Amino acid sequence: MPLIAENSEPKYWQEAAFAVLSDNTQAPVDKLPETGVAVEIEQILSSIYIEPVTFNHTQNNLPTYATRTQSILTLKCHSQLADSAVDEIARLVSRECQHDSYKECRHDSHK
């Protein structure tokens, strides 16, 4: 992920953060924890982003497990010591994963 200090534009670092949250690289078998879950299932669940998976016990074609949303919360505070002015901004950017596209939602809070 690029450093935010390289470019502070929201589009730049939000794309980089969502790229990390979309990583579906699975852990190698020798790096998986021993949880008692079957190794095949543990490996599927080891990635940051989990593709839709249907486990054998289901009777329909719908995925029983997958990444549903991705969210980035940013906080920004600007203050001036001389006159005690403070600006606080909280921004939540979330994407609903539809596994063929994304629906983006933004929530901003300003104080």
PDB file of N, CA and C in Angstrom:
ATOM      1  N   MET A   1       0.850  -1.177   0.000  1.00  0.00           N
ATOM      2  CA  MET A   1       0.000   0.000   0.000  1.00  0.00           C
ATOM      3  C   MET A   1       0.893   1.236   0.000  1.00  0.00           C
ATOM      4  N   PRO A   2       0.612   2.194  -0.863  1.00  0.00           N
ATOM      5  CA  PRO A   2       1.425   3.409  -0.890  1.00  0.00           C
ATOM      6  C   PRO A   2       1.264   4.214   0.393  1.00  0.00           C
ATOM      7  N   LEU A   3       2.274   4.957   0.704  1.00  0.00           N
ATOM      8  CA  LEU A   3       2.190   5.810   1.884  1.00  0.00           C
ATOM      9  C   LEU A   3       1.249   6.974   1.609  1.00  0.00           C
ATOM     10  N   ILE A   4       0.437   7.302   2.584  1.00  0.00           N
ATOM     11  CA  ILE A   4      -0.472   8.430   2.435  1.00  0.00           C
ATOM     12  C   ILE A   4       0.330   9.720   2.250  1.00  0.00           C
ATOM     13  N   ALA A   5       1.513   9.773   2.853  1.00  0.00           N
ATOM     14  CA  ALA A   5       2.349  10.966   2.738  1.00  0.00           C
ATOM     15  C   ALA A   5       2.743  11.239   1.286  1.00  0.00           C
ATOM     16  N   GLU A   6       2.717  10.208   0.419  1.00  0.00           N
ATOM     17  CA  GLU A   6       3.055  10.402  -0.987  1.00  0.00           C
ATOM     18  C   GLU A   6       2.013  11.251  -1.700  1.00  0.00           C
ATOM     19  N   ASN A   7       0.770  11.127  -1.288  1.00  0.00           N
ATOM     20  CA  ASN A   7      -0.323  11.859  -1.925  1.00  0.00           C
ATOM     21  C   ASN A   7      -1.501  11.825  -0.965  1.00  0.00           C
ATOM     22  N   SER A   8      -1.922  12.968  -0.483  1.00  0.00           N
ATOM     23  CA  SER A   8      -2.992  13.006   0.513  1.00  0.00           C
ATOM     24  C   SER A   8      -4.383  13.122  -0.088  1.00  0.00           C
ATOM     25  N   GLU A   9      -4.489  13.053  -1.408  1.00  0.00           N
ATOM     26  CA  GLU A   9      -5.799  13.114  -2.041  1.00  0.00           C
ATOM     27  C   GLU A   9      -6.600  11.866  -1.680  1.00  0.00           C
ATOM     28  N   PRO A  10      -7.859  12.038  -1.222  1.00  0.00           N
ATOM     29  CA  PRO A  10      -8.669  10.880  -0.818  1.00  0.00           C
ATOM     30  C   PRO A  10      -8.780   9.798  -1.888  1.00  0.00           C
ATOM     31  N   LYS A  11      -8.959  10.193  -3.139  1.00  0.00           N
ATOM     32  CA  LYS A  11      -9.098   9.188  -4.197  1.00  0.00           C
ATOM     33  C   LYS A  11      -7.866   8.284  -4.257  1.00  0.00           C
ATOM     34  N   TYR A  12      -6.688   8.864  -4.085  1.00  0.00           N
ATOM     35  CA  TYR A  12      -5.429   8.119  -4.142  1.00  0.00           C
ATOM     36  C   TYR A  12      -5.349   7.050  -3.059  1.00  0.00           C
ATOM     37  N   TRP A  13      -5.499   7.454  -1.804  1.00  0.00           N
ATOM     38  CA  TRP A  13      -5.304   6.476  -0.735  1.00  0.00           C
ATOM     39  C   TRP A  13      -6.520   5.590  -0.514  1.00  0.00           C
ATOM     40  N   GLN A  14      -7.731   6.056  -0.859  1.00  0.00           N
ATOM     41  CA  GLN A  14      -8.893   5.174  -0.733  1.00  0.00           C
ATOM     42  C   GLN A  14      -8.795   4.015  -1.722  1.00  0.00           C
ATOM     43  N   GLU A  15      -8.359   4.291  -2.949  1.00  0.00           N
ATOM     44  CA  GLU A  15      -8.171   3.220  -3.923  1.00  0.00           C
ATOM     45  C   GLU A  15      -7.124   2.226  -3.425  1.00  0.00           C
ATOM     46  N   ALA A  16      -6.047   2.734  -2.833  1.00  0.00           N
ATOM     47  CA  ALA A  16      -4.996   1.860  -2.307  1.00  0.00           C
ATOM     48  C   ALA A  16      -5.513   1.017  -1.138  1.00  0.00           C
ATOM     49  N   ALA A  17      -6.284   1.635  -0.246  1.00  0.00           N
ATOM     50  CA  ALA A  17      -6.830   0.895   0.898  1.00  0.00           C
ATOM     51  C   ALA A  17      -7.835  -0.154   0.443  1.00  0.00           C
ATOM     52  N   PHE A  18      -8.702   0.187  -0.501  1.00  0.00           N
ATOM     53  CA  PHE A  18      -9.659  -0.804  -1.007  1.00  0.00           C
ATOM     54  C   PHE A  18      -8.952  -1.931  -1.756  1.00  0.00           C
ATOM     55  N   ALA A  19      -7.820  -1.629  -2.382  1.00  0.00           N
ATOM     56  CA  ALA A  19      -7.044  -2.689  -3.042  1.00  0.00           C
ATOM     57  C   ALA A  19      -6.540  -3.698  -2.005  1.00  0.00           C
ATOM     58  N   VAL A  20      -6.081  -3.205  -0.862  1.00  0.00           N
ATOM     59  CA  VAL A  20      -5.649  -4.105   0.217  1.00  0.00           C
ATOM     60  C   VAL A  20      -6.836  -4.918   0.731  1.00  0.00           C
ATOM     61  N   LEU A  21      -7.978  -4.258   0.941  1.00  0.00           N
ATOM     62  CA  LEU A  21      -9.160  -4.963   1.443  1.00  0.00           C
ATOM     63  C   LEU A  21      -9.717  -5.959   0.432  1.00  0.00           C
ATOM     64  N   SER A  22      -9.324  -5.860  -0.825  1.00  0.00           N
ATOM     65  CA  SER A  22      -9.809  -6.763  -1.878  1.00  0.00           C
ATOM     66  C   SER A  22      -8.834  -7.904  -2.175  1.00  0.00           C
ATOM     67  N   ASP A  23      -7.796  -8.021  -1.380  1.00  0.00           N
ATOM     68  CA  ASP A  23      -6.788  -9.063  -1.607  1.00  0.00           C
ATOM     69  C   ASP A  23      -7.362 -10.431  -1.237  1.00  0.00           C
ATOM     70  N   ASN A  24      -7.458 -11.311  -2.228  1.00  0.00           N
ATOM     71  CA  ASN A  24      -8.014 -12.645  -1.965  1.00  0.00           C
ATOM     72  C   ASN A  24      -6.925 -13.723  -1.917  1.00  0.00           C
ATOM     73  N   THR A  25      -5.695 -13.301  -1.651  1.00  0.00           N
ATOM     74  CA  THR A  25      -4.589 -14.249  -1.518  1.00  0.00           C
ATOM     75  C   THR A  25      -4.805 -15.103  -0.274  1.00  0.00           C
ATOM     76  N   GLN A  26      -4.763 -16.401  -0.458  1.00  0.00           N
ATOM     77  CA  GLN A  26      -4.957 -17.321   0.652  1.00  0.00           C
ATOM     78  C   GLN A  26      -3.612 -17.695   1.272  1.00  0.00           C
ATOM     79  N   ALA A  27      -3.630 -17.949   2.564  1.00  0.00           N
ATOM     80  CA  ALA A  27      -2.417 -18.342   3.279  1.00  0.00           C
ATOM     81  C   ALA A  27      -1.983 -19.737   2.839  1.00  0.00           C
ATOM     82  N   PRO A  28      -0.671 -19.975   2.809  1.00  0.00           N
ATOM     83  CA  PRO A  28      -0.206 -21.330   2.516  1.00  0.00           C
ATOM     84  C   PRO A  28      -0.629 -22.281   3.641  1.00  0.00           C
ATOM     85  N   VAL A  29      -0.815 -23.523   3.300  1.00  0.00           N
ATOM     86  CA  VAL A  29      -1.291 -24.524   4.265  1.00  0.00           C
ATOM     87  C   VAL A  29      -0.414 -24.563   5.511  1.00  0.00           C
ATOM     88  N   ASP A  30       0.898 -24.450   5.346  1.00  0.00           N
ATOM     89  CA  ASP A  30       1.794 -24.551   6.505  1.00  0.00           C
ATOM     90  C   ASP A  30       1.727 -23.325   7.423  1.00  0.00           C
ATOM     91  N   LYS A  31       1.029 -22.271   7.017  1.00  0.00           N
ATOM     92  CA  LYS A  31       0.890 -21.065   7.846  1.00  0.00           C
ATOM     93  C   LYS A  31      -0.490 -20.955   8.497  1.00  0.00           C
ATOM     94  N   LEU A  32      -1.372 -21.911   8.244  1.00  0.00           N
ATOM     95  CA  LEU A  32      -2.720 -21.862   8.800  1.00  0.00           C
ATOM     96  C   LEU A  32      -2.720 -22.248  10.277  1.00  0.00           C
ATOM     97  N   PRO A  33      -3.605 -21.625  11.064  1.00  0.00           N
ATOM     98  CA  PRO A  33      -3.714 -22.025  12.475  1.00  0.00           C
ATOM     99  C   PRO A  33      -4.405 -23.385  12.581  1.00  0.00           C
ATOM    100  N   GLU A  34      -4.190 -24.053  13.667  1.00  0.00           N
ATOM    101  CA  GLU A  34      -4.857 -25.330  13.909  1.00  0.00           C
ATOM    102  C   GLU A  34      -6.089 -25.054  14.768  1.00  0.00           C
ATOM    103  N   THR A  35      -7.238 -24.882  14.130  1.00  0.00           N
ATOM    104  CA  THR A  35      -8.465 -24.513  14.833  1.00  0.00           C
ATOM    105  C   THR A  35      -9.451 -25.663  14.958  1.00  0.00           C
ATOM    106  N   GLY A  36      -9.156 -26.784  14.283  1.00  0.00           N
ATOM    107  CA  GLY A  36     -10.097 -27.895  14.267  1.00  0.00           C
ATOM    108  C   GLY A  36     -11.004 -27.873  13.057  1.00  0.00           C
ATOM    109  N   VAL A  37     -10.948 -26.785  12.281  1.00  0.00           N
ATOM    110  CA  VAL A  37     -11.707 -26.675  11.047  1.00  0.00           C
ATOM    111  C   VAL A  37     -10.904 -27.382   9.959  1.00  0.00           C
ATOM    112  N   ALA A  38     -11.581 -27.982   8.996  1.00  0.00           N
ATOM    113  CA  ALA A  38     -10.895 -28.650   7.893  1.00  0.00           C
ATOM    114  C   ALA A  38      -9.928 -27.687   7.212  1.00  0.00           C
ATOM    115  N   VAL A  39      -8.762 -28.173   6.838  1.00  0.00           N
ATOM    116  CA  VAL A  39      -7.723 -27.341   6.229  1.00  0.00           C
ATOM    117  C   VAL A  39      -8.244 -26.621   4.995  1.00  0.00           C
ATOM    118  N   GLU A  40      -9.048 -27.280   4.171  1.00  0.00           N
ATOM    119  CA  GLU A  40      -9.576 -26.655   2.956  1.00  0.00           C
ATOM    120  C   GLU A  40     -10.428 -25.436   3.288  1.00  0.00           C
ATOM    121  N   ILE A  41     -11.248 -25.568   4.320  1.00  0.00           N
ATOM    122  CA  ILE A  41     -12.103 -24.439   4.736  1.00  0.00           C
ATOM    123  C   ILE A  41     -11.258 -23.342   5.375  1.00  0.00           C
ATOM    124  N   GLU A  42     -10.332 -23.715   6.232  1.00  0.00           N
ATOM    125  CA  GLU A  42      -9.463 -22.735   6.891  1.00  0.00           C
ATOM    126  C   GLU A  42      -8.701 -21.919   5.853  1.00  0.00           C
ATOM    127  N   GLN A  43      -8.256 -22.553   4.776  1.00  0.00           N
ATOM    128  CA  GLN A  43      -7.517 -21.836   3.745  1.00  0.00           C
ATOM    129  C   GLN A  43      -8.424 -20.865   2.993  1.00  0.00           C
ATOM    130  N   ILE A  44      -9.650 -21.278   2.686  1.00  0.00           N
ATOM    131  CA  ILE A  44     -10.606 -20.390   2.015  1.00  0.00           C
ATOM    132  C   ILE A  44     -10.862 -19.147   2.864  1.00  0.00           C
ATOM    133  N   LEU A  45     -10.940 -19.323   4.173  1.00  0.00           N
ATOM    134  CA  LEU A  45     -11.261 -18.227   5.085  1.00  0.00           C
ATOM    135  C   LEU A  45     -10.043 -17.407   5.500  1.00  0.00           C
ATOM    136  N   SER A  46      -8.861 -17.731   4.985  1.00  0.00           N
ATOM    137  CA  SER A  46      -7.638 -17.066   5.430  1.00  0.00           C
ATOM    138  C   SER A  46      -7.345 -15.740   4.724  1.00  0.00           C
ATOM    139  N   SER A  47      -8.007 -15.459   3.622  1.00  0.00           N
ATOM    140  CA  SER A  47      -7.712 -14.228   2.886  1.00  0.00           C
ATOM    141  C   SER A  47      -8.435 -13.025   3.484  1.00  0.00           C
ATOM    142  N   ILE A  48      -7.938 -11.842   3.168  1.00  0.00           N
ATOM    143  CA  ILE A  48      -8.589 -10.611   3.622  1.00  0.00           C
ATOM    144  C   ILE A  48      -9.970 -10.505   2.989  1.00  0.00           C
ATOM    145  N   TYR A  49     -10.025 -10.741   1.676  1.00  0.00           N
ATOM    146  CA  TYR A  49     -11.294 -10.715   0.944  1.00  0.00           C
ATOM    147  C   TYR A  49     -11.671 -12.161   0.635  1.00  0.00           C
ATOM    148  N   ILE A  50     -12.853 -12.559   1.047  1.00  0.00           N
ATOM    149  CA  ILE A  50     -13.289 -13.941   0.861  1.00  0.00           C
ATOM    150  C   ILE A  50     -14.318 -13.992  -0.260  1.00  0.00           C
ATOM    151  N   GLU A  51     -13.965 -14.720  -1.306  1.00  0.00           N
ATOM    152  CA  GLU A  51     -14.887 -14.936  -2.421  1.00  0.00           C
ATOM    153  C   GLU A  51     -16.075 -15.769  -1.925  1.00  0.00           C
ATOM    154  N   PRO A  52     -17.241 -15.667  -2.556  1.00  0.00           N
ATOM    155  CA  PRO A  52     -18.398 -16.455  -2.123  1.00  0.00           C
ATOM    156  C   PRO A  52     -18.076 -17.953  -2.141  1.00  0.00           C
ATOM    157  N   VAL A  53     -18.452 -18.614  -1.080  1.00  0.00           N
ATOM    158  CA  VAL A  53     -18.205 -20.050  -0.975  1.00  0.00           C
ATOM    159  C   VAL A  53     -19.462 -20.723  -0.439  1.00  0.00           C
ATOM    160  N   THR A  54     -19.813 -21.836  -1.048  1.00  0.00           N
ATOM    161  CA  THR A  54     -20.938 -22.634  -0.576  1.00  0.00           C
ATOM    162  C   THR A  54     -20.365 -23.907   0.014  1.00  0.00           C
ATOM    163  N   PHE A  55     -20.665 -24.156   1.262  1.00  0.00           N
ATOM    164  CA  PHE A  55     -20.179 -25.362   1.908  1.00  0.00           C
ATOM    165  C   PHE A  55     -21.116 -26.521   1.588  1.00  0.00           C
ATOM    166  N   ASN A  56     -20.637 -27.730   1.691  1.00  0.00           N
ATOM    167  CA  ASN A  56     -21.354 -28.926   1.262  1.00  0.00           C
ATOM    168  C   ASN A  56     -22.727 -29.132   1.902  1.00  0.00           C
ATOM    169  N   HIS A  57     -22.944 -28.594   3.079  1.00  0.00           N
ATOM    170  CA  HIS A  57     -24.200 -28.872   3.788  1.00  0.00           C
ATOM    171  C   HIS A  57     -25.380 -28.020   3.314  1.00  0.00           C
ATOM    172  N   THR A  58     -25.176 -27.122   2.351  1.00  0.00           N
ATOM    173  CA  THR A  58     -26.277 -26.273   1.896  1.00  0.00           C
ATOM    174  C   THR A  58     -27.020 -26.920   0.743  1.00  0.00           C
ATOM    175  N   GLN A  59     -28.273 -26.525   0.576  1.00  0.00           N
ATOM    176  CA  GLN A  59     -29.105 -27.132  -0.454  1.00  0.00           C
ATOM    177  C   GLN A  59     -29.445 -26.162  -1.589  1.00  0.00           C
ATOM    178  N   ASN A  60     -28.835 -24.998  -1.597  1.00  0.00           N
ATOM    179  CA  ASN A  60     -29.101 -24.033  -2.679  1.00  0.00           C
ATOM    180  C   ASN A  60     -27.784 -23.534  -3.252  1.00  0.00           C
ATOM    181  N   ASN A  61     -27.853 -22.703  -4.236  1.00  0.00           N
ATOM    182  CA  ASN A  61     -26.649 -22.198  -4.894  1.00  0.00           C
ATOM    183  C   ASN A  61     -26.147 -20.886  -4.304  1.00  0.00           C
ATOM    184  N   LEU A  62     -26.767 -20.415  -3.258  1.00  0.00           N
ATOM    185  CA  LEU A  62     -26.345 -19.158  -2.668  1.00  0.00           C
ATOM    186  C   LEU A  62     -25.095 -19.364  -1.817  1.00  0.00           C
ATOM    187  N   PRO A  63     -24.182 -18.395  -1.837  1.00  0.00           N
ATOM    188  CA  PRO A  63     -22.995 -18.539  -0.983  1.00  0.00           C
ATOM    189  C   PRO A  63     -23.395 -18.493   0.485  1.00  0.00           C
ATOM    190  N   THR A  64     -22.754 -19.303   1.278  1.00  0.00           N
ATOM    191  CA  THR A  64     -23.049 -19.294   2.704  1.00  0.00           C
ATOM    192  C   THR A  64     -22.074 -18.409   3.466  1.00  0.00           C
ATOM    193  N   TYR A  65     -20.969 -18.033   2.810  1.00  0.00           N
ATOM    194  CA  TYR A  65     -19.979 -17.191   3.472  1.00  0.00           C
ATOM    195  C   TYR A  65     -19.226 -16.391   2.418  1.00  0.00           C
ATOM    196  N   ALA A  66     -18.990 -15.118   2.703  1.00  0.00           N
ATOM    197  CA  ALA A  66     -18.237 -14.248   1.797  1.00  0.00           C
ATOM    198  C   ALA A  66     -18.025 -12.901   2.478  1.00  0.00           C
ATOM    199  N   THR A  67     -17.097 -12.123   1.950  1.00  0.00           N
ATOM    200  CA  THR A  67     -16.943 -10.745   2.413  1.00  0.00           C
ATOM    201  C   THR A  67     -18.179  -9.973   1.957  1.00  0.00           C
ATOM    202  N   ARG A  68     -18.838  -9.295   2.888  1.00  0.00           N
ATOM    203  CA  ARG A  68     -20.060  -8.564   2.547  1.00  0.00           C
ATOM    204  C   ARG A  68     -19.818  -7.082   2.352  1.00  0.00           C
ATOM    205  N   THR A  69     -18.956  -6.503   3.192  1.00  0.00           N
ATOM    206  CA  THR A  69     -18.681  -5.065   3.076  1.00  0.00           C
ATOM    207  C   THR A  69     -17.207  -4.795   3.331  1.00  0.00           C
ATOM    208  N   GLN A  70     -16.774  -3.653   2.846  1.00  0.00           N
ATOM    209  CA  GLN A  70     -15.430  -3.153   3.098  1.00  0.00           C
ATOM    210  C   GLN A  70     -15.595  -1.706   3.558  1.00  0.00           C
ATOM    211  N   SER A  71     -14.915  -1.334   4.643  1.00  0.00           N
ATOM    212  CA  SER A  71     -15.067   0.022   5.181  1.00  0.00           C
ATOM    213  C   SER A  71     -13.714   0.620   5.520  1.00  0.00           C
ATOM    214  N   ILE A  72     -13.620   1.928   5.285  1.00  0.00           N
ATOM    215  CA  ILE A  72     -12.444   2.704   5.660  1.00  0.00           C
ATOM    216  C   ILE A  72     -12.943   3.867   6.511  1.00  0.00           C
ATOM    217  N   LEU A  73     -12.414   4.007   7.702  1.00  0.00           N
ATOM    218  CA  LEU A  73     -12.757   5.118   8.581  1.00  0.00           C
ATOM    219  C   LEU A  73     -11.546   6.030   8.678  1.00  0.00           C
ATOM    220  N   THR A  74     -11.744   7.298   8.347  1.00  0.00           N
ATOM    221  CA  THR A  74     -10.658   8.269   8.468  1.00  0.00           C
ATOM    222  C   THR A  74     -11.068   9.370   9.437  1.00  0.00           C
ATOM    223  N   LEU A  75     -10.109   9.822  10.187  1.00  0.00           N
ATOM    224  CA  LEU A  75     -10.314  10.923  11.125  1.00  0.00           C
ATOM    225  C   LEU A  75      -9.289  12.003  10.810  1.00  0.00           C
ATOM    226  N   LYS A  76      -9.737  13.221  10.808  1.00  0.00           N
ATOM    227  CA  LYS A  76      -8.843  14.331  10.526  1.00  0.00           C
ATOM    228  C   LYS A  76      -9.131  15.431  11.537  1.00  0.00           C
ATOM    229  N   CYS A  77      -8.097  15.944  12.129  1.00  0.00           N
ATOM    230  CA  CYS A  77      -8.257  17.012  13.110  1.00  0.00           C
ATOM    231  C   CYS A  77      -7.290  18.131  12.760  1.00  0.00           C
ATOM    232  N   HIS A  78      -7.799  19.320  12.703  1.00  0.00           N
ATOM    233  CA  HIS A  78      -6.974  20.485  12.436  1.00  0.00           C
ATOM    234  C   HIS A  78      -7.164  21.435  13.605  1.00  0.00           C
ATOM    235  N   SER A  79      -6.087  21.848  14.208  1.00  0.00           N
ATOM    236  CA  SER A  79      -6.219  22.796  15.316  1.00  0.00           C
ATOM    237  C   SER A  79      -5.158  23.886  15.186  1.00  0.00           C
ATOM    238  N   GLN A  80      -5.507  25.040  15.689  1.00  0.00           N
ATOM    239  CA  GLN A  80      -4.571  26.154  15.740  1.00  0.00           C
ATOM    240  C   GLN A  80      -4.390  26.515  17.193  1.00  0.00           C
ATOM    241  N   LEU A  81      -3.188  26.482  17.658  1.00  0.00           N
ATOM    242  CA  LEU A  81      -2.929  26.757  19.068  1.00  0.00           C
ATOM    243  C   LEU A  81      -3.203  28.213  19.441  1.00  0.00           C
ATOM    244  N   ALA A  82      -2.987  29.130  18.530  1.00  0.00           N
ATOM    245  CA  ALA A  82      -3.114  30.556  18.842  1.00  0.00           C
ATOM    246  C   ALA A  82      -4.536  30.941  19.234  1.00  0.00           C
ATOM    247  N   ASP A  83      -5.533  30.501  18.457  1.00  0.00           N
ATOM    248  CA  ASP A  83      -6.909  30.903  18.774  1.00  0.00           C
ATOM    249  C   ASP A  83      -7.807  29.710  19.097  1.00  0.00           C
ATOM    250  N   SER A  84      -7.227  28.561  19.331  1.00  0.00           N
ATOM    251  CA  SER A  84      -7.941  27.345  19.753  1.00  0.00           C
ATOM    252  C   SER A  84      -9.012  26.878  18.766  1.00  0.00           C
ATOM    253  N   ALA A  85      -8.849  27.158  17.509  1.00  0.00           N
ATOM    254  CA  ALA A  85      -9.804  26.673  16.511  1.00  0.00           C
ATOM    255  C   ALA A  85      -9.552  25.184  16.249  1.00  0.00           C
ATOM    256  N   VAL A  86     -10.620  24.403  16.234  1.00  0.00           N
ATOM    257  CA  VAL A  86     -10.493  22.961  15.996  1.00  0.00           C
ATOM    258  C   VAL A  86     -11.509  22.543  14.946  1.00  0.00           C
ATOM    259  N   ASP A  87     -11.056  21.832  13.937  1.00  0.00           N
ATOM    260  CA  ASP A  87     -11.932  21.233  12.934  1.00  0.00           C
ATOM    261  C   ASP A  87     -11.728  19.727  13.012  1.00  0.00           C
ATOM    262  N   GLU A  88     -12.803  19.006  13.229  1.00  0.00           N
ATOM    263  CA  GLU A  88     -12.719  17.554  13.246  1.00  0.00           C
ATOM    264  C   GLU A  88     -13.597  17.010  12.132  1.00  0.00           C
ATOM    265  N   ILE A  89     -13.068  16.095  11.366  1.00  0.00           N
ATOM    266  CA  ILE A  89     -13.835  15.466  10.298  1.00  0.00           C
ATOM    267  C   ILE A  89     -13.663  13.961  10.415  1.00  0.00           C
ATOM    268  N   ALA A  90     -14.771  13.258  10.466  1.00  0.00           N
ATOM    269  CA  ALA A  90     -14.744  11.798  10.415  1.00  0.00           C
ATOM    270  C   ALA A  90     -15.445  11.385   9.137  1.00  0.00           C
ATOM    271  N   ARG A  91     -14.827  10.471   8.415  1.00  0.00           N
ATOM    272  CA  ARG A  91     -15.406  10.011   7.157  1.00  0.00           C
ATOM    273  C   ARG A  91     -15.371   8.489   7.141  1.00  0.00           C
ATOM    274  N   LEU A  92     -16.527   7.912   6.851  1.00  0.00           N
ATOM    275  CA  LEU A  92     -16.628   6.471   6.686  1.00  0.00           C
ATOM    276  C   LEU A  92     -17.009   6.197   5.246  1.00  0.00           C
ATOM    277  N   VAL A  93     -16.180   5.455   4.557  1.00  0.00           N
ATOM    278  CA  VAL A  93     -16.457   5.058   3.185  1.00  0.00           C
ATOM    279  C   VAL A  93     -16.607   3.546   3.199  1.00  0.00           C
ATOM    280  N   SER A  94     -17.757   3.068   2.785  1.00  0.00           N
ATOM    281  CA  SER A  94     -18.026   1.630   2.778  1.00  0.00           C
ATOM    282  C   SER A  94     -18.449   1.193   1.393  1.00  0.00           C
ATOM    283  N   ARG A  95     -18.109  -0.041   1.081  1.00  0.00           N
ATOM    284  CA  ARG A  95     -18.555  -0.641  -0.165  1.00  0.00           C
ATOM    285  C   ARG A  95     -19.276  -1.937   0.167  1.00  0.00           C
ATOM    286  N   GLU A  96     -20.429  -2.108  -0.434  1.00  0.00           N
ATOM    287  CA  GLU A  96     -21.148  -3.366  -0.318  1.00  0.00           C
ATOM    288  C   GLU A  96     -20.634  -4.269  -1.425  1.00  0.00           C
ATOM    289  N   CYS A  97     -20.153  -5.437  -1.061  1.00  0.00           N
ATOM    290  CA  CYS A  97     -19.596  -6.368  -2.042  1.00  0.00           C
ATOM    291  C   CYS A  97     -20.722  -7.177  -2.661  1.00  0.00           C
ATOM    292  N   GLN A  98     -20.867  -7.040  -3.955  1.00  0.00           N
ATOM    293  CA  GLN A  98     -21.892  -7.794  -4.669  1.00  0.00           C
ATOM    294  C   GLN A  98     -21.253  -8.883  -5.521  1.00  0.00           C
ATOM    295  N   HIS A  99     -19.931  -9.050  -5.371  1.00  0.00           N
ATOM    296  CA  HIS A  99     -19.137 -10.109  -5.989  1.00  0.00           C
ATOM    297  C   HIS A  99     -19.133 -10.098  -7.499  1.00  0.00           C
ATOM    298  N   ASP A 100     -19.669  -9.069  -8.087  1.00  0.00           N
ATOM    299  CA  ASP A 100     -19.451  -8.802  -9.496  1.00  0.00           C
ATOM    300  C   ASP A 100     -19.310  -7.296  -9.687  1.00  0.00           C
ATOM    301  N   SER A 101     -19.603  -6.539  -8.605  1.00  0.00           N
ATOM    302  CA  SER A 101     -19.436  -5.088  -8.621  1.00  0.00           C
ATOM    303  C   SER A 101     -19.495  -4.599  -7.180  1.00  0.00           C
ATOM    304  N   TYR A 102     -19.338  -3.298  -6.982  1.00  0.00           N
ATOM    305  CA  TYR A 102     -19.409  -2.702  -5.655  1.00  0.00           C
ATOM    306  C   TYR A 102     -20.418  -1.574  -5.659  1.00  0.00           C
ATOM    307  N   LYS A 103     -21.098  -1.421  -4.547  1.00  0.00           N
ATOM    308  CA  LYS A 103     -21.986  -0.291  -4.334  1.00  0.00           C
ATOM    309  C   LYS A 103     -21.354   0.528  -3.224  1.00  0.00           C
ATOM    310  N   GLU A 104     -20.968   1.770  -3.525  1.00  0.00           N
ATOM    311  CA  GLU A 104     -20.243   2.571  -2.560  1.00  0.00           C
ATOM    312  C   GLU A 104     -21.185   3.478  -1.773  1.00  0.00           C
ATOM    313  N   CYS A 105     -20.930   3.580  -0.482  1.00  0.00           N
ATOM    314  CA  CYS A 105     -21.694   4.457   0.411  1.00  0.00           C
ATOM    315  C   CYS A 105     -20.703   5.338   1.157  1.00  0.00           C
ATOM    316  N   ARG A 106     -21.028   6.617   1.291  1.00  0.00           N
ATOM    317  CA  ARG A 106     -20.155   7.536   2.023  1.00  0.00           C
ATOM    318  C   ARG A 106     -20.935   8.168   3.155  1.00  0.00           C
ATOM    319  N   HIS A 107     -20.269   8.294   4.289  1.00  0.00           N
ATOM    320  CA  HIS A 107     -20.863   8.932   5.455  1.00  0.00           C
ATOM    321  C   HIS A 107     -19.845   9.903   6.016  1.00  0.00           C
ATOM    322  N   ASP A 108     -20.162  11.175   6.032  1.00  0.00           N
ATOM    323  CA  ASP A 108     -19.250  12.186   6.531  1.00  0.00           C
ATOM    324  C   ASP A 108     -19.819  12.821   7.790  1.00  0.00           C
ATOM    325  N   SER A 109     -18.950  13.106   8.734  1.00  0.00           N
ATOM    326  CA  SER A 109     -19.346  13.792   9.941  1.00  0.00           C
ATOM    327  C   SER A 109     -18.374  14.954  10.139  1.00  0.00           C
ATOM    328  N   HIS A 110     -18.887  16.167  10.270  1.00  0.00           N
ATOM    329  CA  HIS A 110     -18.040  17.350  10.450  1.00  0.00           C
ATOM    330  C   HIS A 110     -18.394  17.991  11.778  1.00  0.00           C
ATOM    331  N   LYS A 111     -17.369  18.402  12.490  1.00  0.00           N
ATOM    332  CA  LYS A 111     -17.585  19.133  13.753  1.00  0.00           C
ATOM    333  C   LYS A 111     -16.802  20.418  13.706  1.00  0.00           C
TER     334      LYS A 111
END
